[in-house]
Amino acid sequence: MDHVKANWQPAGGELEVIDDALYQIRPYAKFCPGGSWVYTQFANFNLQDQVLVDIDLWNSPLLSSGEKAAMMWHEAIYYWLRSSYQDSNSIRARYIVGVLFSNLSAAEKNTKISTLLQAPEPSARQDWFCRGKNQLNNQIYSAYAASEFEARHSTLASCKRGPEPFHCQSDSSIECEEITLERIAWACTAENSLNFQPFIGRGRGRLEAAFRAEENCILGSPGINPMFCAPLSPECTAL
C-alpha cells in the first residue's frame, strides 16, 4: 500500500482499458442511463510503476470514501499478486478485496483468502519457483518463471521493491525448485512460535508448500513480527 500511495497520481487524460478484468457479467443495459453500459478504466498501474487514476471519477460525489479505499486496496493487492504469484489478471485481486470489505468475521476472511492463495493461478504455473527473504524484517518473497535464472531474479527484484531493500538475500542464497507436477503434491506446516498456532500450506513442490505455510502463518497472525512464523525445519509430507 505504501508503494501504491507513493506512486498515486491523477491521469492527464482518459485511461485506456486494460484487458485483465475478464469480467463475466455486466449490468442490464435497460437499467443504465441512455440504455447502454460502457466499461470505464478507473485506474492503471502502468509499467513505470505509476498508479494513474481518473481524477474525474475519483472526485465524483457518487463515489464513497469506502469505495475509494477499496480501489486503493485493489491496486495494492493486485501489485502484490503480480509480484509474488505472477497473476496475469485481476480476478483474484478483486475476490480478495470483496472478502476484505465484506461483513464476514476476521476468521472467515482469513480462511477464504488463505484457501485462495494455497495454489497459484493456473495461468501463472511456470516451470520454476523461488523464495527469498529480507534478513532484517523477515518478510518473505517468491516468484514463478520459465527458468531458474528468471525466477531467482524476479524473487530478488520483488524483495528489493519492498522496505529495507539492502537486507534482501543475495541471488545465490535464494531457494528454488523445479515444478514438475500440475497437481498439489505436498503439504507443510508452520507454527507461530509466539502463540503456538499452527498453519498449513500446500503446493506442487515441497518448497512451494513450505513457503505457503509460512505465508499463511504471517497472513493469519496480523501484527506480529514475521520471524515468529519462520520454520527452522518445516514439517512436510507428500500427498
Protein backbone atom coordinates (compact mmCIF):
# COMPACT_ATOMS: atom_id res chain seq x y z
CA MET A 1 0.00 0.00 0.00
CA ASP A 2 2.90 2.35 0.72
CA HIS A 3 4.14 1.73 -2.82
CA VAL A 4 0.69 2.48 -4.28
CA LYS A 5 0.28 5.70 -2.27
CA ALA A 6 3.77 6.89 -3.18
CA ASN A 7 3.09 6.42 -6.90
CA TRP A 8 -0.56 7.55 -6.98
CA GLN A 9 -1.18 10.42 -9.41
CA PRO A 10 -4.09 11.83 -11.41
CA ALA A 11 -4.15 10.89 -15.06
CA GLY A 12 -3.77 13.69 -17.60
CA GLY A 13 -6.45 12.22 -19.82
CA GLU A 14 -8.86 9.33 -20.32
CA LEU A 15 -7.32 5.98 -19.34
CA GLU A 16 -7.12 3.17 -21.87
CA VAL A 17 -8.99 -0.01 -20.95
CA ILE A 18 -6.66 -2.74 -19.68
CA ASP A 19 -7.97 -6.16 -20.70
CA ASP A 20 -7.21 -8.01 -17.47
CA ALA A 21 -10.53 -7.88 -15.64
CA LEU A 22 -12.06 -10.85 -17.52
CA TYR A 23 -15.46 -9.96 -16.06
CA GLN A 24 -18.28 -12.44 -16.72
CA ILE A 25 -21.33 -10.31 -16.02
CA ARG A 26 -22.44 -6.73 -16.70
CA PRO A 27 -25.45 -4.61 -15.67
CA TYR A 28 -28.59 -4.82 -17.77
CA ALA A 29 -28.42 -2.06 -20.38
CA LYS A 30 -32.05 -1.14 -19.69
CA PHE A 31 -31.08 -0.04 -16.17
CA CYS A 32 -28.28 2.27 -17.36
CA PRO A 33 -28.68 5.95 -18.36
CA GLY A 34 -29.29 6.12 -22.09
CA GLY A 35 -29.81 2.37 -22.27
CA SER A 36 -26.13 1.46 -22.59
CA TRP A 37 -23.26 0.43 -20.33
CA VAL A 38 -19.66 1.39 -21.03
CA TYR A 39 -16.75 -0.29 -19.20
CA THR A 40 -14.50 2.52 -17.94
CA GLN A 41 -10.93 2.24 -16.63
CA PHE A 42 -10.73 3.85 -13.18
CA ALA A 43 -7.02 3.27 -12.51
CA ASN A 44 -3.99 1.93 -14.35
CA PHE A 45 -0.85 0.64 -12.61
CA ASN A 46 1.49 1.04 -15.57
CA LEU A 47 4.93 -0.34 -16.38
CA GLN A 48 6.56 2.82 -14.97
CA ASP A 49 5.11 1.98 -11.52
CA GLN A 50 2.69 4.90 -11.80
CA VAL A 51 -0.80 4.40 -10.39
CA LEU A 52 -2.72 6.61 -12.79
CA VAL A 53 -6.22 7.48 -11.56
CA ASP A 54 -9.15 9.01 -13.46
CA ILE A 55 -9.43 12.15 -11.35
CA ASP A 56 -12.96 12.98 -12.55
CA LEU A 57 -14.21 9.62 -11.29
CA TRP A 58 -12.16 9.94 -8.09
CA ASN A 59 -13.76 13.32 -7.28
CA SER A 60 -17.28 12.21 -8.18
CA PRO A 61 -19.80 12.78 -5.35
CA LEU A 62 -21.24 9.36 -6.24
CA LEU A 63 -18.06 7.67 -5.01
CA SER A 64 -17.91 6.99 -1.27
CA SER A 65 -14.75 7.02 0.84
CA GLY A 66 -15.17 3.25 1.31
CA GLU A 67 -15.21 2.72 -2.45
CA LYS A 68 -12.07 4.83 -2.80
CA ALA A 69 -10.38 2.73 -0.13
CA ALA A 70 -11.42 -0.45 -1.93
CA MET A 71 -9.91 0.83 -5.17
CA MET A 72 -6.61 1.62 -3.44
CA TRP A 73 -6.52 -1.79 -1.79
CA HIS A 74 -7.30 -3.42 -5.12
CA GLU A 75 -4.23 -1.81 -6.67
CA ALA A 76 -2.02 -2.79 -3.69
CA ILE A 77 -3.22 -6.41 -3.60
CA TYR A 78 -3.05 -6.82 -7.38
CA TYR A 79 0.51 -5.43 -7.32
CA TRP A 80 1.42 -7.98 -4.64
CA LEU A 81 -0.19 -10.86 -6.57
CA ARG A 82 1.67 -9.90 -9.73
CA SER A 83 4.98 -9.65 -7.87
CA SER A 84 4.70 -12.74 -5.65
CA TYR A 85 2.38 -15.03 -7.59
CA GLN A 86 2.75 -13.82 -11.19
CA ASP A 87 -1.02 -13.32 -11.57
CA SER A 88 -1.81 -12.16 -15.09
CA ASN A 89 -5.34 -10.84 -14.41
CA SER A 90 -7.20 -9.14 -11.58
CA ILE A 91 -9.72 -11.90 -10.81
CA ARG A 92 -8.09 -12.99 -7.55
CA ALA A 93 -7.34 -9.40 -6.50
CA ARG A 94 -11.00 -8.47 -6.88
CA TYR A 95 -12.05 -11.55 -4.92
CA ILE A 96 -9.71 -10.69 -2.04
CA VAL A 97 -10.92 -7.07 -1.93
CA GLY A 98 -14.52 -8.31 -1.90
CA VAL A 99 -13.73 -10.58 1.05
CA LEU A 100 -11.84 -7.87 2.97
CA PHE A 101 -14.66 -5.35 2.58
CA SER A 102 -17.41 -7.86 3.36
CA ASN A 103 -19.17 -8.29 6.71
CA LEU A 104 -17.60 -11.72 7.29
CA SER A 105 -15.72 -12.33 10.51
CA ALA A 106 -11.95 -11.99 10.59
CA ALA A 107 -11.61 -15.79 10.86
CA GLU A 108 -13.88 -16.35 7.84
CA LYS A 109 -11.96 -13.78 5.80
CA ASN A 110 -8.64 -15.40 6.70
CA THR A 111 -9.92 -18.86 5.71
CA LYS A 112 -11.24 -17.70 2.33
CA ILE A 113 -8.08 -15.77 1.43
CA SER A 114 -5.71 -18.50 2.64
CA THR A 115 -7.61 -21.12 0.63
CA LEU A 116 -7.43 -18.95 -2.48
CA LEU A 117 -3.67 -18.44 -2.11
CA GLN A 118 -2.70 -22.04 -1.46
CA ALA A 119 -2.43 -22.77 -5.18
CA PRO A 120 -1.15 -20.34 -7.82
CA GLU A 121 -3.35 -19.07 -10.59
CA PRO A 122 -3.40 -21.73 -13.37
CA SER A 123 -2.16 -19.29 -15.99
CA ALA A 124 0.81 -18.45 -13.75
CA ARG A 125 2.09 -22.02 -13.44
CA GLN A 126 5.63 -21.97 -14.74
CA ASP A 127 8.50 -24.41 -14.52
CA TRP A 128 10.41 -22.81 -11.62
CA PHE A 129 9.51 -21.45 -8.18
CA CYS A 130 11.91 -19.49 -5.96
CA ARG A 131 11.63 -17.98 -2.50
CA GLY A 132 13.71 -15.39 -0.68
CA LYS A 133 13.69 -13.34 2.50
CA ASN A 134 14.58 -9.91 3.80
CA GLN A 135 17.08 -10.64 6.57
CA LEU A 136 16.14 -7.54 8.58
CA ASN A 137 12.34 -7.58 8.68
CA ASN A 138 11.87 -11.31 7.87
CA GLN A 139 9.39 -10.60 5.09
CA ILE A 140 9.28 -13.41 2.52
CA TYR A 141 9.08 -13.15 -1.26
CA SER A 142 8.60 -15.56 -4.16
CA ALA A 143 8.30 -15.73 -7.92
CA TYR A 144 7.44 -18.14 -10.72
CA ALA A 145 9.20 -18.14 -14.07
CA ALA A 146 10.04 -20.30 -17.05
CA SER A 147 13.68 -20.67 -15.94
CA GLU A 148 15.54 -20.81 -12.62
CA PHE A 149 17.52 -17.70 -13.57
CA GLU A 150 14.36 -15.66 -14.20
CA ALA A 151 12.66 -16.92 -11.03
CA ARG A 152 15.72 -16.01 -8.91
CA HIS A 153 15.91 -12.55 -10.46
CA SER A 154 12.19 -11.92 -10.03
CA THR A 155 12.28 -13.02 -6.38
CA LEU A 156 15.19 -10.71 -5.62
CA ALA A 157 13.53 -7.86 -7.52
CA SER A 158 10.30 -8.35 -5.56
CA CYS A 159 12.22 -8.13 -2.27
CA LYS A 160 14.07 -5.00 -3.38
CA ARG A 161 10.80 -3.26 -4.20
CA GLY A 162 9.81 -3.64 -0.56
CA PRO A 163 11.10 -1.92 2.60
CA GLU A 164 14.76 -2.26 3.64
CA PRO A 165 15.94 -3.47 0.20
CA PHE A 166 19.61 -3.56 1.25
CA HIS A 167 18.85 -6.52 3.51
CA CYS A 168 17.44 -8.80 0.79
CA GLN A 169 19.15 -12.15 0.40
CA SER A 170 21.77 -12.39 -2.31
CA ASP A 171 20.83 -14.14 -5.52
CA SER A 172 22.88 -17.20 -4.55
CA SER A 173 21.02 -17.56 -1.21
CA ILE A 174 17.57 -17.72 -2.77
CA GLU A 175 16.00 -21.21 -2.73
CA CYS A 176 14.49 -22.59 -5.93
CA GLU A 177 12.79 -25.75 -7.14
CA GLU A 178 11.60 -27.02 -10.49
CA ILE A 179 7.86 -27.57 -10.71
CA THR A 180 7.18 -30.86 -12.46
CA LEU A 181 3.58 -31.58 -11.43
CA GLU A 182 0.26 -29.96 -12.28
CA ARG A 183 -1.39 -31.02 -9.02
CA ILE A 184 -0.95 -30.26 -5.33
CA ALA A 185 1.53 -32.90 -4.13
CA TRP A 186 2.97 -31.55 -0.84
CA ALA A 187 1.65 -30.20 2.45
CA CYS A 188 3.79 -28.39 5.05
CA THR A 189 3.11 -26.82 8.42
CA ALA A 190 4.43 -23.68 10.08
CA GLU A 191 3.80 -22.69 13.68
CA ASN A 192 3.56 -19.24 15.19
CA SER A 193 6.21 -19.61 17.90
CA LEU A 194 4.61 -16.77 19.87
CA ASN A 195 1.17 -18.31 20.39
CA PHE A 196 1.85 -21.83 19.02
CA GLN A 197 -0.96 -21.60 16.45
CA PRO A 198 -0.31 -24.00 13.53
CA PHE A 199 -0.79 -23.21 9.85
CA ILE A 200 -0.70 -25.41 6.78
CA GLY A 201 0.36 -24.71 3.21
CA ARG A 202 0.13 -26.86 0.11
CA GLY A 203 1.96 -26.81 -3.21
CA ARG A 204 3.04 -28.79 -6.24
CA GLY A 205 6.55 -28.94 -4.77
CA ARG A 206 7.97 -29.10 -1.25
CA LEU A 207 9.49 -25.61 -1.33
CA GLU A 208 6.26 -24.09 -2.64
CA ALA A 209 4.27 -25.81 0.13
CA ALA A 210 6.72 -24.67 2.84
CA PHE A 211 6.52 -21.09 1.55
CA ARG A 212 2.70 -21.17 1.55
CA ALA A 213 2.68 -22.46 5.14
CA GLU A 214 4.94 -19.66 6.32
CA GLU A 215 2.95 -17.11 4.31
CA ASN A 216 -0.34 -18.37 5.76
CA CYS A 217 1.14 -18.01 9.24
CA ILE A 218 2.11 -14.40 8.53
CA LEU A 219 -1.29 -13.61 6.98
CA GLY A 220 -3.10 -15.34 9.83
CA SER A 221 -1.10 -13.62 12.59
CA PRO A 222 -1.59 -9.90 11.90
CA GLY A 223 0.53 -7.52 13.91
CA ILE A 224 3.31 -9.93 14.82
CA ASN A 225 6.91 -9.99 13.62
CA PRO A 226 7.18 -12.44 10.68
CA MET A 227 10.14 -14.05 12.43
CA PHE A 228 7.68 -15.87 14.70
CA CYS A 229 6.40 -17.73 11.62
CA ALA A 230 9.77 -18.72 10.17
CA PRO A 231 10.01 -22.53 10.28
CA LEU A 232 13.57 -23.68 11.01
CA SER A 233 12.74 -27.09 9.63
CA PRO A 234 9.17 -27.21 8.31
CA GLU A 235 7.31 -30.48 8.70
CA CYS A 236 6.24 -31.62 5.23
CA THR A 237 4.59 -34.66 3.76
CA ALA A 238 3.95 -35.89 0.23
CA LEU A 239 0.24 -36.18 -0.56
